[in-house]
N, C-alpha and C. Protein backbone atom coordinates (compact mmCIF):
# COMPACT_ATOMS: atom_id res chain seq x y z
N UNK A 1 -37.13 -14.56 -21.55
CA UNK A 1 -37.71 -13.13 -21.50
C UNK A 1 -38.81 -13.11 -22.60
N UNK A 2 -39.79 -12.47 -22.13
CA UNK A 2 -41.12 -12.38 -22.80
C UNK A 2 -40.73 -11.38 -24.10
N UNK A 3 -41.69 -11.61 -25.18
CA UNK A 3 -41.54 -10.80 -26.24
C UNK A 3 -42.47 -9.36 -26.09
N UNK A 4 -41.92 -8.30 -25.97
CA UNK A 4 -42.54 -7.17 -25.56
C UNK A 4 -42.61 -6.46 -26.82
N UNK A 5 -42.57 -6.60 -28.16
CA UNK A 5 -42.43 -5.87 -29.31
C UNK A 5 -43.89 -5.49 -29.67
N UNK A 6 -44.94 -6.25 -29.16
CA UNK A 6 -46.21 -6.03 -29.53
C UNK A 6 -46.99 -5.44 -28.56
N UNK A 7 -46.24 -4.74 -27.45
CA UNK A 7 -46.87 -3.95 -26.37
C UNK A 7 -46.53 -2.44 -26.36
N UNK A 8 -47.33 -1.92 -25.96
CA UNK A 8 -46.89 -0.17 -25.68
C UNK A 8 -46.62 -0.16 -24.34
N UNK A 9 -45.27 0.31 -24.10
CA UNK A 9 -44.95 0.66 -22.85
C UNK A 9 -44.65 2.13 -22.66
N UNK A 10 -45.05 2.57 -21.53
CA UNK A 10 -44.61 4.02 -21.05
C UNK A 10 -43.23 4.08 -20.72
N UNK A 11 -42.55 5.08 -21.31
CA UNK A 11 -41.09 5.38 -20.92
C UNK A 11 -40.85 5.67 -19.77
N UNK A 12 -42.12 6.18 -18.73
CA UNK A 12 -41.74 6.66 -17.55
C UNK A 12 -42.90 6.26 -16.74
N UNK A 13 -42.68 6.05 -15.49
CA UNK A 13 -43.94 5.92 -14.45
C UNK A 13 -44.94 6.94 -14.41
N UNK A 14 -46.05 6.63 -14.69
CA UNK A 14 -47.30 7.97 -14.61
C UNK A 14 -48.48 7.38 -14.39
N UNK A 15 -49.37 8.20 -14.57
CA UNK A 15 -50.90 8.06 -14.59
C UNK A 15 -51.54 7.94 -15.85
N UNK A 16 -52.21 6.83 -16.10
CA UNK A 16 -52.85 6.77 -17.67
C UNK A 16 -54.17 7.90 -17.47
N UNK A 17 -54.03 8.93 -18.37
CA UNK A 17 -55.16 9.93 -18.31
C UNK A 17 -56.34 9.71 -19.40
N UNK A 18 -55.72 9.16 -20.49
CA UNK A 18 -56.71 8.82 -21.69
C UNK A 18 -56.23 7.67 -22.64
N UNK A 19 -57.09 7.01 -23.01
CA UNK A 19 -57.00 6.03 -24.09
C UNK A 19 -57.39 6.58 -25.26
N UNK A 20 -56.80 6.62 -26.45
CA UNK A 20 -57.41 7.18 -27.72
C UNK A 20 -57.96 6.02 -28.67
N UNK A 21 -57.65 4.65 -28.30
CA UNK A 21 -57.91 3.69 -29.15
C UNK A 21 -58.90 2.86 -28.30
N UNK A 22 -59.60 1.72 -29.26
CA UNK A 22 -60.23 0.97 -28.49
C UNK A 22 -59.83 -0.54 -29.37
N UNK A 23 -60.25 -1.80 -28.94
CA UNK A 23 -59.91 -2.89 -29.72
C UNK A 23 -60.62 -2.90 -31.09
N UNK A 24 -59.87 -3.28 -31.90
CA UNK A 24 -60.46 -3.52 -33.42
C UNK A 24 -59.98 -2.16 -34.29
N UNK A 25 -59.59 -0.97 -33.67
CA UNK A 25 -59.05 0.37 -34.33
C UNK A 25 -57.86 -0.23 -35.02
N UNK A 26 -57.82 0.51 -36.23
CA UNK A 26 -56.65 0.47 -37.19
C UNK A 26 -55.85 1.60 -37.01
N UNK A 27 -54.53 1.76 -36.66
CA UNK A 27 -53.83 2.97 -36.27
C UNK A 27 -52.71 3.24 -37.08
N UNK A 28 -52.49 4.41 -37.76
CA UNK A 28 -51.39 4.72 -38.53
C UNK A 28 -50.12 5.25 -37.57
N UNK A 29 -48.97 4.91 -38.13
CA UNK A 29 -47.70 5.37 -37.53
C UNK A 29 -48.02 6.87 -36.95
N UNK A 30 -47.81 7.33 -35.96
CA UNK A 30 -47.56 8.71 -35.47
C UNK A 30 -48.65 9.11 -34.94
N UNK A 31 -50.00 8.12 -34.85
CA UNK A 31 -51.19 8.54 -34.14
C UNK A 31 -51.19 8.15 -32.77
N UNK A 32 -52.00 9.09 -32.01
CA UNK A 32 -51.73 9.14 -30.62
C UNK A 32 -52.66 7.80 -30.05
N UNK A 33 -52.02 7.01 -29.18
CA UNK A 33 -52.70 5.84 -28.78
C UNK A 33 -53.18 6.04 -27.18
N UNK A 34 -52.26 6.82 -26.30
CA UNK A 34 -52.75 7.12 -25.00
C UNK A 34 -52.06 8.48 -24.53
N UNK A 35 -52.51 8.78 -23.45
CA UNK A 35 -51.82 10.03 -22.73
C UNK A 35 -51.44 9.67 -21.28
N UNK A 36 -50.35 9.83 -20.94
CA UNK A 36 -49.92 9.31 -19.50
C UNK A 36 -49.38 10.90 -18.75
N UNK A 37 -49.83 10.88 -17.67
CA UNK A 37 -49.42 12.16 -16.91
C UNK A 37 -48.21 11.62 -16.01
N UNK A 38 -47.20 12.48 -16.04
CA UNK A 38 -45.84 12.14 -15.21
C UNK A 38 -45.40 13.67 -14.78
N UNK A 39 -44.78 14.14 -13.53
CA UNK A 39 -44.73 15.13 -13.08
C UNK A 39 -45.31 16.14 -13.52
N UNK A 40 -46.73 16.01 -13.32
CA UNK A 40 -47.54 17.04 -13.76
C UNK A 40 -47.44 17.70 -15.32
N UNK A 41 -47.11 16.77 -16.17
CA UNK A 41 -46.96 16.88 -17.50
C UNK A 41 -47.60 15.72 -18.39
N UNK A 42 -48.52 16.03 -19.37
CA UNK A 42 -49.02 15.23 -20.11
C UNK A 42 -48.21 14.66 -21.18
N UNK A 43 -47.99 13.34 -21.39
CA UNK A 43 -47.07 12.99 -22.31
C UNK A 43 -48.04 11.84 -23.43
N UNK A 44 -47.87 12.36 -24.75
CA UNK A 44 -48.72 11.35 -25.65
C UNK A 44 -47.87 10.31 -26.31
N UNK A 45 -48.28 9.03 -26.07
CA UNK A 45 -47.82 7.92 -26.54
C UNK A 45 -48.48 7.57 -27.87
N UNK A 46 -47.34 7.52 -28.99
CA UNK A 46 -47.94 7.43 -30.34
C UNK A 46 -47.53 6.15 -30.82
N UNK A 47 -48.18 5.60 -31.95
CA UNK A 47 -47.78 4.47 -32.63
C UNK A 47 -46.46 4.62 -33.45
N UNK A 48 -45.39 3.60 -33.18
CA UNK A 48 -44.33 3.68 -34.14
C UNK A 48 -44.54 3.10 -35.50
N UNK A 49 -45.58 2.38 -35.67
CA UNK A 49 -45.69 1.68 -36.88
C UNK A 49 -47.42 1.46 -37.23
N UNK A 50 -47.78 1.22 -38.16
CA UNK A 50 -49.25 0.91 -38.67
C UNK A 50 -49.67 -0.24 -37.84
N UNK A 51 -50.64 -0.38 -36.89
CA UNK A 51 -51.00 -1.58 -36.15
C UNK A 51 -52.61 -1.49 -36.02
N UNK A 52 -53.14 -2.74 -35.76
CA UNK A 52 -54.41 -3.00 -35.44
C UNK A 52 -54.46 -3.40 -33.80
N UNK A 53 -55.40 -2.73 -33.15
CA UNK A 53 -55.32 -3.01 -31.82
C UNK A 53 -56.10 -4.05 -31.47
N UNK A 54 -55.60 -5.17 -30.95
CA UNK A 54 -55.85 -6.36 -30.64
C UNK A 54 -56.74 -6.42 -29.18
N UNK A 55 -56.32 -5.95 -28.27
CA UNK A 55 -56.76 -5.62 -26.95
C UNK A 55 -56.06 -4.80 -25.99
N UNK A 56 -56.96 -4.02 -24.96
CA UNK A 56 -56.24 -3.33 -24.19
C UNK A 56 -56.12 -3.95 -22.67
N UNK A 57 -55.12 -3.56 -22.16
CA UNK A 57 -54.83 -4.26 -20.64
C UNK A 57 -54.89 -3.20 -19.67
N UNK A 58 -55.29 -2.06 -20.27
CA UNK A 58 -55.51 -0.82 -18.96
C UNK A 58 -56.78 -0.24 -19.20
N UNK A 59 -57.27 0.38 -18.25
CA UNK A 59 -58.58 1.23 -18.51
C UNK A 59 -58.31 2.58 -17.78
N UNK A 60 -59.07 3.78 -18.25
CA UNK A 60 -58.76 5.15 -17.57
C UNK A 60 -59.26 5.30 -16.26
């Protein structure tokens, strides 16, 4: 089973509306990383810990 601890996974299926980070950004816990739209509602995905963004595997 692959290690998913370094990935941001959406808790629900939806459409990626906005990315709030770029590779190389240093993000503090609680800061917004992305916004996903599901069932006509926008859901903010936030960092659970302080991290440095290595790369993005999705685009708006």
